[in-house]
C-alpha atoms as a PDB file:
ATOM      1  CA  MET A   1      36.169 112.107  85.269  1.00  0.00           C
ATOM      2  CA  THR A   2      37.480 113.999  88.268  1.00  0.00           C
ATOM      3  CA  LYS A   3      40.758 115.886  88.064  1.00  0.00           C
ATOM      4  CA  GLY A   4      43.595 114.518  90.185  1.00  0.00           C
ATOM      5  CA  LEU A   5      47.148 115.747  90.681  1.00  0.00           C
ATOM      6  CA  LYS A   6      50.303 113.703  90.222  1.00  0.00           C
ATOM      7  CA  ILE A   7      52.780 115.651  92.323  1.00  0.00           C
ATOM      8  CA  ASN A   8      56.419 115.783  91.261  1.00  0.00           C
ATOM      9  CA  THR A   9      59.012 116.805  93.839  1.00  0.00           C
ATOM     10  CA  PRO A  10      62.752 117.428  93.958  1.00  0.00           C
ATOM     11  CA  PRO A  11      64.794 114.749  95.784  1.00  0.00           C
ATOM     12  CA  LEU A  12      63.767 114.724  99.448  1.00  0.00           C
ATOM     13  CA  ASN A  13      64.997 113.022 102.607  1.00  0.00           C
ATOM     14  CA  VAL A  14      62.757 110.988 104.911  1.00  0.00           C
ATOM     15  CA  PHE A  15      61.771 113.987 107.082  1.00  0.00           C
ATOM     16  CA  GLU A  16      60.817 115.988 104.003  1.00  0.00           C
ATOM     17  CA  GLN A  17      58.838 113.094 102.505  1.00  0.00           C
ATOM     18  CA  MET A  18      56.585 112.814 105.568  1.00  0.00           C
ATOM     19  CA  ALA A  19      56.221 116.601 105.799  1.00  0.00           C
ATOM     20  CA  THR A  20      55.200 116.789 102.139  1.00  0.00           C
ATOM     21  CA  ASP A  21      52.373 114.315 102.607  1.00  0.00           C
ATOM     22  CA  GLU A  22      51.072 116.190 105.632  1.00  0.00           C
ATOM     23  CA  ILE A  23      51.257 119.536 103.803  1.00  0.00           C
ATOM     24  CA  MET A  24      49.292 118.027 100.923  1.00  0.00           C
ATOM     25  CA  CYS A  25      46.661 116.774 103.373  1.00  0.00           C
ATOM     26  CA  ASP A  26      46.421 120.204 104.963  1.00  0.00           C
ATOM     27  CA  THR A  27      46.112 122.158 101.735  1.00  0.00           C
ATOM     28  CA  ILE A  28      44.198 119.655  99.514  1.00  0.00           C
ATOM     29  CA  PRO A  29      44.587 121.385  96.119  1.00  0.00           C
ATOM     30  CA  GLU A  30      42.437 118.635  94.555  1.00  0.00           C
ATOM     31  CA  LYS A  31      40.258 115.744  95.792  1.00  0.00           C
ATOM     32  CA  PHE A  32      42.811 113.205  94.551  1.00  0.00           C
ATOM     33  CA  ILE A  33      46.592 113.502  94.896  1.00  0.00           C
ATOM     34  CA  LEU A  34      49.148 110.872  93.884  1.00  0.00           C
ATOM     35  CA  ARG A  35      52.812 111.336  94.706  1.00  0.00           C
ATOM     36  CA  PHE A  36      55.732 109.032  93.951  1.00  0.00           C
ATOM     37  CA  TYR A  37      58.580 109.750  96.345  1.00  0.00           C
ATOM     38  CA  ASN A  38      61.824 111.043  94.874  1.00  0.00           C
ATOM     39  CA  TRP A  39      64.443 109.877  97.379  1.00  0.00           C
ATOM     40  CA  LYS A  40      67.543 111.958  98.109  1.00  0.00           C
ATOM     41  CA  GLU A  41      69.019 109.169 100.248  1.00  0.00           C
ATOM     42  CA  PRO A  42      67.913 105.963 102.005  1.00  0.00           C
ATOM     43  CA  GLY A  43      65.687 106.413 105.028  1.00  0.00           C
ATOM     44  CA  ILE A  44      63.538 104.573 107.555  1.00  0.00           C
ATOM     45  CA  THR A  45      59.966 105.225 108.635  1.00  0.00           C
ATOM     46  CA  PHE A  46      57.999 103.633 111.436  1.00  0.00           C
ATOM     47  CA  GLY A  47      54.349 103.594 112.418  1.00  0.00           C
ATOM     48  CA  TYR A  48      52.506 106.299 114.328  1.00  0.00           C
ATOM     49  CA  SER A  49      51.762 103.992 117.287  1.00  0.00           C
ATOM     50  CA  GLN A  50      55.093 102.167 117.532  1.00  0.00           C
ATOM     51  CA  ARG A  51      57.316 102.611 120.578  1.00  0.00           C
ATOM     52  CA  HIS A  52      60.563 104.334 119.667  1.00  0.00           C
ATOM     53  CA  ILE A  53      62.723 102.190 121.948  1.00  0.00           C
ATOM     54  CA  PHE A  54      61.669  99.000 120.154  1.00  0.00           C
ATOM     55  CA  VAL A  55      62.167 100.596 116.749  1.00  0.00           C
ATOM     56  CA  ALA A  56      65.643 101.828 117.683  1.00  0.00           C
ATOM     57  CA  ASP A  57      66.634  98.326 118.819  1.00  0.00           C
ATOM     58  CA  ALA A  58      65.381  96.778 115.577  1.00  0.00           C
ATOM     59  CA  VAL A  59      67.235  99.341 113.468  1.00  0.00           C
ATOM     60  CA  GLN A  60      70.427  98.708 115.428  1.00  0.00           C
ATOM     61  CA  GLN A  61      70.128  94.975 114.797  1.00  0.00           C
ATOM     62  CA  GLU A  62      69.969  95.748 111.070  1.00  0.00           C
ATOM     63  CA  ASN A  63      73.105  97.943 111.357  1.00  0.00           C
ATOM     64  CA  LYS A  64      71.251 100.912 109.897  1.00  0.00           C
ATOM     65  CA  GLU A  65      71.701 103.437 112.726  1.00  0.00           C
ATOM     66  CA  ASN A  66      73.194 105.953 110.279  1.00  0.00           C
ATOM     67  CA  PHE A  67      69.973 106.190 108.264  1.00  0.00           C
ATOM     68  CA  LEU A  68      67.665 109.142 108.850  1.00  0.00           C
ATOM     69  CA  ILE A  69      64.527 107.855 110.563  1.00  0.00           C
ATOM     70  CA  THR A  70      61.155 109.359 111.394  1.00  0.00           C
ATOM     71  CA  ARG A  71      57.718 108.425 112.653  1.00  0.00           C
ATOM     72  CA  ARG A  72      54.999 108.321 109.989  1.00  0.00           C
ATOM     73  CA  PRO A  73      51.641 110.041 110.450  1.00  0.00           C
ATOM     74  CA  THR A  74      50.141 106.681 109.397  1.00  0.00           C
ATOM     75  CA  GLY A  75      50.186 103.313 111.163  1.00  0.00           C
ATOM     76  CA  GLY A  76      51.985 100.038 110.508  1.00  0.00           C
ATOM     77  CA  GLY A  77      55.522  98.894 111.241  1.00  0.00           C
ATOM     78  CA  ILE A  78      59.113  99.675 110.258  1.00  0.00           C
ATOM     79  CA  VAL A  79      59.876 100.249 106.565  1.00  0.00           C
ATOM     80  CA  TYR A  80      63.403 100.498 105.155  1.00  0.00           C
ATOM     81  CA  HIS A  81      63.374 102.788 102.131  1.00  0.00           C
ATOM     82  CA  GLU A  82      66.485 101.712 100.246  1.00  0.00           C
ATOM     83  CA  THR A  83      65.354 100.134  96.981  1.00  0.00           C
ATOM     84  CA  ASP A  84      61.563 100.431  97.172  1.00  0.00           C
ATOM     85  CA  LEU A  85      59.117 102.505  95.157  1.00  0.00           C
ATOM     86  CA  THR A  86      57.338 104.620  97.747  1.00  0.00           C
ATOM     87  CA  PHE A  87      54.157 106.536  97.038  1.00  0.00           C
ATOM     88  CA  SER A  88      51.230 108.253  98.695  1.00  0.00           C
ATOM     89  CA  PHE A  89      47.618 108.676  97.632  1.00  0.00           C
ATOM     90  CA  ILE A  90      45.264 111.236  99.172  1.00  0.00           C
ATOM     91  CA  PHE A  91      41.584 110.891  98.418  1.00  0.00           C
ATOM     92  CA  HIS A  92      38.250 112.287  99.515  1.00  0.00           C
ATOM     93  CA  TYR A  93      36.731 110.205 102.313  1.00  0.00           C
ATOM     94  CA  PRO A  94      34.009 112.191 104.109  1.00  0.00           C
ATOM     95  CA  GLY A  95      32.471 111.143 107.390  1.00  0.00           C
ATOM     96  CA  GLU A  96      33.670 110.658 110.936  1.00  0.00           C
ATOM     97  CA  PHE A  97      34.606 106.980 110.730  1.00  0.00           C
ATOM     98  CA  PHE A  98      36.314 104.711 108.221  1.00  0.00           C
ATOM     99  CA  LYS A  99      36.765 100.988 107.717  1.00  0.00           C
ATOM    100  CA  PRO A 100      40.471 100.165 107.228  1.00  0.00           C
ATOM    101  CA  VAL A 101      40.048  96.626 105.883  1.00  0.00           C
ATOM    102  CA  GLU A 102      37.510  97.723 103.267  1.00  0.00           C
ATOM    103  CA  THR A 103      39.725 100.646 102.286  1.00  0.00           C
ATOM    104  CA  TYR A 104      42.814  98.459 101.850  1.00  0.00           C
ATOM    105  CA  LYS A 105      40.759  95.936  99.914  1.00  0.00           C
ATOM    106  CA  LYS A 106      39.481  98.591  97.502  1.00  0.00           C
ATOM    107  CA  ILE A 107      42.947 100.047  96.878  1.00  0.00           C
ATOM    108  CA  HIS A 108      44.889  96.791  96.709  1.00  0.00           C
ATOM    109  CA  ASN A 109      42.338  95.026  94.533  1.00  0.00           C
ATOM    110  CA  ALA A 110      42.571  97.901  92.050  1.00  0.00           C
ATOM    111  CA  ILE A 111      46.384  97.746  91.979  1.00  0.00           C
ATOM    112  CA  ASN A 112      46.468  93.945  91.808  1.00  0.00           C
ATOM    113  CA  SER A 113      43.997  93.909  88.916  1.00  0.00           C
ATOM    114  CA  GLU A 114      46.053  96.394  86.918  1.00  0.00           C
ATOM    115  CA  TYR A 115      49.200  94.331  87.426  1.00  0.00           C
ATOM    116  CA  ALA A 116      47.292  91.261  86.223  1.00  0.00           C
ATOM    117  CA  LEU A 117      46.352  93.105  83.027  1.00  0.00           C
ATOM    118  CA  ALA A 118      50.048  93.854  82.523  1.00  0.00           C
ATOM    119  CA  GLY A 119      50.929  90.172  82.960  1.00  0.00           C
ATOM    120  CA  LYS A 120      52.394  90.447  86.462  1.00  0.00           C
ATOM    121  CA  ASP A 121      51.252  87.624  88.738  1.00  0.00           C
ATOM    122  CA  LEU A 122      50.579  89.005  92.238  1.00  0.00           C
ATOM    123  CA  ASN A 123      47.971  88.056  94.804  1.00  0.00           C
ATOM    124  CA  ILE A 124      46.301  89.506  97.889  1.00  0.00           C
ATOM    125  CA  LEU A 125      46.664  87.924 101.308  1.00  0.00           C
ATOM    126  CA  GLU A 126      43.266  87.394 102.895  1.00  0.00           C
ATOM    127  CA  GLN A 127      44.177  86.077 106.304  1.00  0.00           C
ATOM    128  CA  LYS A 128      43.602  87.878 109.588  1.00  0.00           C
ATOM    129  CA  GLU A 129      46.343  87.569 112.196  1.00  0.00           C
ATOM    130  CA  SER A 130      45.119  87.829 115.788  1.00  0.00           C
ATOM    131  CA  ASN A 131      48.613  88.303 117.212  1.00  0.00           C
ATOM    132  CA  TYR A 132      49.711  91.243 115.041  1.00  0.00           C
ATOM    133  CA  ASP A 133      51.948  93.343 117.301  1.00  0.00           C
ATOM    134  CA  ILE A 134      53.439  96.573 115.935  1.00  0.00           C
ATOM    135  CA  ASN A 135      55.641  96.904 119.025  1.00  0.00           C
ATOM    136  CA  ASN A 136      57.368  93.577 118.553  1.00  0.00           C
ATOM    137  CA  PRO A 137      61.034  94.459 117.895  1.00  0.00           C
ATOM    138  CA  ILE A 138      60.928  92.386 114.698  1.00  0.00           C
ATOM    139  CA  MET A 139      57.868  94.267 113.392  1.00  0.00           C
ATOM    140  CA  ASP A 140      59.436  95.059 110.063  1.00  0.00           C
ATOM    141  CA  CYS A 141      56.522  95.599 107.686  1.00  0.00           C
ATOM    142  CA  PHE A 142      58.038  93.424 104.972  1.00  0.00           C
ATOM    143  CA  GLN A 143      58.954  90.513 107.232  1.00  0.00           C
ATOM    144  CA  LYS A 144      55.368  89.899 108.315  1.00  0.00           C
ATOM    145  CA  PRO A 145      52.610  90.165 105.682  1.00  0.00           C
ATOM    146  CA  VAL A 146      49.176  90.970 107.075  1.00  0.00           C
ATOM    147  CA  ASN A 147      45.620  90.878 105.791  1.00  0.00           C
ATOM    148  CA  MET A 148      45.145  92.618 102.424  1.00  0.00           C
ATOM    149  CA  ASP A 149      48.868  92.972 101.652  1.00  0.00           C
ATOM    150  CA  ILE A 150      49.901  92.218  98.075  1.00  0.00           C
ATOM    151  CA  LEU A 151      52.275  89.269  97.683  1.00  0.00           C
ATOM    152  CA  CYS A 152      54.669  88.143  94.968  1.00  0.00           C
ATOM    153  CA  GLU A 153      55.664  84.480  95.052  1.00  0.00           C
ATOM    154  CA  GLY A 154      54.609  84.281  98.686  1.00  0.00           C
ATOM    155  CA  LYS A 155      56.585  87.343  99.808  1.00  0.00           C
ATOM    156  CA  LYS A 156      55.145  90.727 100.682  1.00  0.00           C
ATOM    157  CA  ALA A 157      55.419  93.096  97.711  1.00  0.00           C
ATOM    158  CA  LEU A 158      53.135  95.984  98.643  1.00  0.00           C
ATOM    159  CA  GLY A 159      51.983  97.231 102.011  1.00  0.00           C
ATOM    160  CA  GLY A 160      50.323 100.470 102.994  1.00  0.00           C
ATOM    161  CA  ALA A 161      49.216 102.496 105.990  1.00  0.00           C
ATOM    162  CA  LEU A 162      46.292 104.868 106.492  1.00  0.00           C
ATOM    163  CA  ARG A 163      45.486 108.063 108.371  1.00  0.00           C
ATOM    164  CA  LYS A 164      42.326 110.139 108.155  1.00  0.00           C
ATOM    165  CA  PHE A 165      42.711 113.917 107.969  1.00  0.00           C
ATOM    166  CA  GLY A 166      39.248 115.451 108.216  1.00  0.00           C
ATOM    167  CA  ASP A 167      37.341 114.435 105.099  1.00  0.00           C
ATOM    168  CA  TYR A 168      40.450 113.044 103.387  1.00  0.00           C
ATOM    169  CA  MET A 169      42.410 109.815 103.682  1.00  0.00           C
ATOM    170  CA  LEU A 170      46.180 109.520 103.419  1.00  0.00           C
ATOM    171  CA  TYR A 171      47.474 106.190 102.141  1.00  0.00           C
ATOM    172  CA  GLN A 172      51.260 105.726 102.262  1.00  0.00           C
ATOM    173  CA  ALA A 173      52.697 102.671 100.536  1.00  0.00           C
ATOM    174  CA  SER A 174      55.930 100.863  99.773  1.00  0.00           C
ATOM    175  CA  LEU A 175      56.338  98.592  96.754  1.00  0.00           C
ATOM    176  CA  GLN A 176      59.249  96.187  97.105  1.00  0.00           C
ATOM    177  CA  LEU A 177      59.861  94.114  94.000  1.00  0.00           C
ATOM    178  CA  ASP A 178      63.091  93.191  92.233  1.00  0.00           C
ATOM    179  CA  GLU A 179      64.539  96.174  90.363  1.00  0.00           C
ATOM    180  CA  VAL A 180      61.434  98.232  91.098  1.00  0.00           C
ATOM    181  CA  ARG A 181      63.316 101.534  90.972  1.00  0.00           C
ATOM    182  CA  GLU A 182      65.129 100.559  87.785  1.00  0.00           C
ATOM    183  CA  ASN A 183      61.710  99.877  86.220  1.00  0.00           C
ATOM    184  CA  ALA A 184      59.969 102.737  88.007  1.00  0.00           C
ATOM    185  CA  SER A 185      58.165 104.068  84.925  1.00  0.00           C
ATOM    186  CA  PHE A 186      56.392 100.748  84.387  1.00  0.00           C
ATOM    187  CA  HIS A 187      55.267 100.486  88.017  1.00  0.00           C
ATOM    188  CA  LYS A 188      54.244 104.140  88.296  1.00  0.00           C
ATOM    189  CA  ASN A 189      52.091 103.750  85.205  1.00  0.00           C
ATOM    190  CA  ILE A 190      50.411 100.639  86.648  1.00  0.00           C
ATOM    191  CA  ILE A 191      49.615 102.351  89.942  1.00  0.00           C
ATOM    192  CA  ALA A 192      48.371 105.573  88.342  1.00  0.00           C
ATOM    193  CA  LYS A 193      46.113 103.573  86.003  1.00  0.00           C
ATOM    194  CA  ALA A 194      44.746 101.540  88.911  1.00  0.00           C
ATOM    195  CA  PHE A 195      43.695 104.631  90.858  1.00  0.00           C
ATOM    196  CA  SER A 196      42.400 106.319  87.711  1.00  0.00           C
ATOM    197  CA  LYS A 197      40.068 103.412  86.933  1.00  0.00           C
ATOM    198  CA  GLU A 198      38.944 102.766  90.520  1.00  0.00           C
ATOM    199  CA  PHE A 199      38.231 106.406  91.398  1.00  0.00           C
ATOM    200  CA  ASN A 200      37.463 107.776  87.891  1.00  0.00           C
ATOM    201  CA  ILE A 201      40.409 110.189  87.921  1.00  0.00           C
ATOM    202  CA  SER A 202      42.043 112.135  85.105  1.00  0.00           C
ATOM    203  CA  TRP A 203      45.638 112.837  86.176  1.00  0.00           C
ATOM    204  CA  VAL A 204      47.413 116.162  85.696  1.00  0.00           C
ATOM    205  CA  ASP A 205      51.143 116.505  86.458  1.00  0.00           C
ATOM    206  CA  GLU A 206      51.983 119.214  88.972  1.00  0.00           C
ATOM    207  CA  LYS A 207      55.096 120.402  90.815  1.00  0.00           C
ATOM    208  CA  LEU A 208      55.279 121.502  94.420  1.00  0.00           C
ATOM    209  CA  SER A 209      54.898 125.251  94.685  1.00  0.00           C
ATOM    210  CA  GLU A 210      57.457 127.437  96.432  1.00  0.00           C
ATOM    211  CA  THR A 211      54.880 127.969  99.181  1.00  0.00           C
ATOM    212  CA  HIS A 212      54.590 124.200  99.700  1.00  0.00           C
ATOM    213  CA  LEU A 213      58.379 123.784  99.738  1.00  0.00           C
ATOM    214  CA  GLN A 214      58.734 126.470 102.392  1.00  0.00           C
ATOM    215  CA  ALA A 215      55.917 124.964 104.452  1.00  0.00           C
ATOM    216  CA  LEU A 216      57.378 121.457 104.371  1.00  0.00           C
ATOM    217  CA  GLU A 217      60.812 122.675 105.471  1.00  0.00           C
ATOM    218  CA  LYS A 218      59.189 124.423 108.430  1.00  0.00           C
ATOM    219  CA  LEU A 219      57.298 121.224 109.308  1.00  0.00           C
ATOM    220  CA  VAL A 220      60.537 119.225 109.154  1.00  0.00           C
ATOM    221  CA  GLN A 221      62.078 121.547 111.745  1.00  0.00           C
ATOM    222  CA  THR A 222      59.062 121.678 114.034  1.00  0.00           C
ATOM    223  CA  LYS A 223      57.923 118.052 113.787  1.00  0.00           C
ATOM    224  CA  TYR A 224      59.438 115.263 111.724  1.00  0.00           C
ATOM    225  CA  SER A 225      63.092 115.768 112.710  1.00  0.00           C
ATOM    226  CA  THR A 226      62.326 116.344 116.401  1.00  0.00           C
ATOM    227  CA  ASP A 227      62.507 114.045 119.404  1.00  0.00           C
ATOM    228  CA  ASP A 228      59.119 115.376 120.513  1.00  0.00           C
ATOM    229  CA  TRP A 229      57.605 113.628 117.499  1.00  0.00           C
ATOM    230  CA  ASN A 230      59.871 110.648 117.001  1.00  0.00           C
ATOM    231  CA  LYS A 231      60.137 109.708 120.684  1.00  0.00           C
ATOM    232  CA  ARG A 232      56.584 110.663 121.598  1.00  0.00           C
ATOM    233  CA  ILE A 233      56.047 107.092 122.850  1.00  0.00           C
END
């Protein structure tokens, strides 16, 4: 089996969460890195290619203007991080190109299968939508399931977004089930087992180093909290 790191962090805000994932992608201490977000406060993320003006309007309609909000390095739509279990998975993916649908299918099938073994009935949506529009003001990730999302009783339960950094892939995901944070240990165990089986990983717990903490705070100031990043389009 290949060694993988399960990264534990102190409580972080939304800017710090995105910066941490990017720092991990830049440093790559191991070929596989799994991190469950430890939230300091509620936050909002939106996709790399979404237009800020549409996102701001949607957030205002939800009366959540006081939440910290930032653009993700990955794609997709708006995600409200209030009661979800958020996590990221970085894995070796060499080569110039990648196939998103196949990648989602591999990851979500692994997670869905592990939930089935635990007696949790979920299913994967296999339906391509031709009119998927990330810049629609109502493009809230969890209001519109798309191909390869995981559903629970017909509602979206797990969605993820991808970004390739060199020979590595960043997968950022949000799991939204009833009382998912209250039962976080159960869900974290399911997800870690799924990746362990699918990618043949042996997990080792690790904390962020002081060097990483300093680097992520710098990246917050220079990128994720700035208008240059968040209002880039």
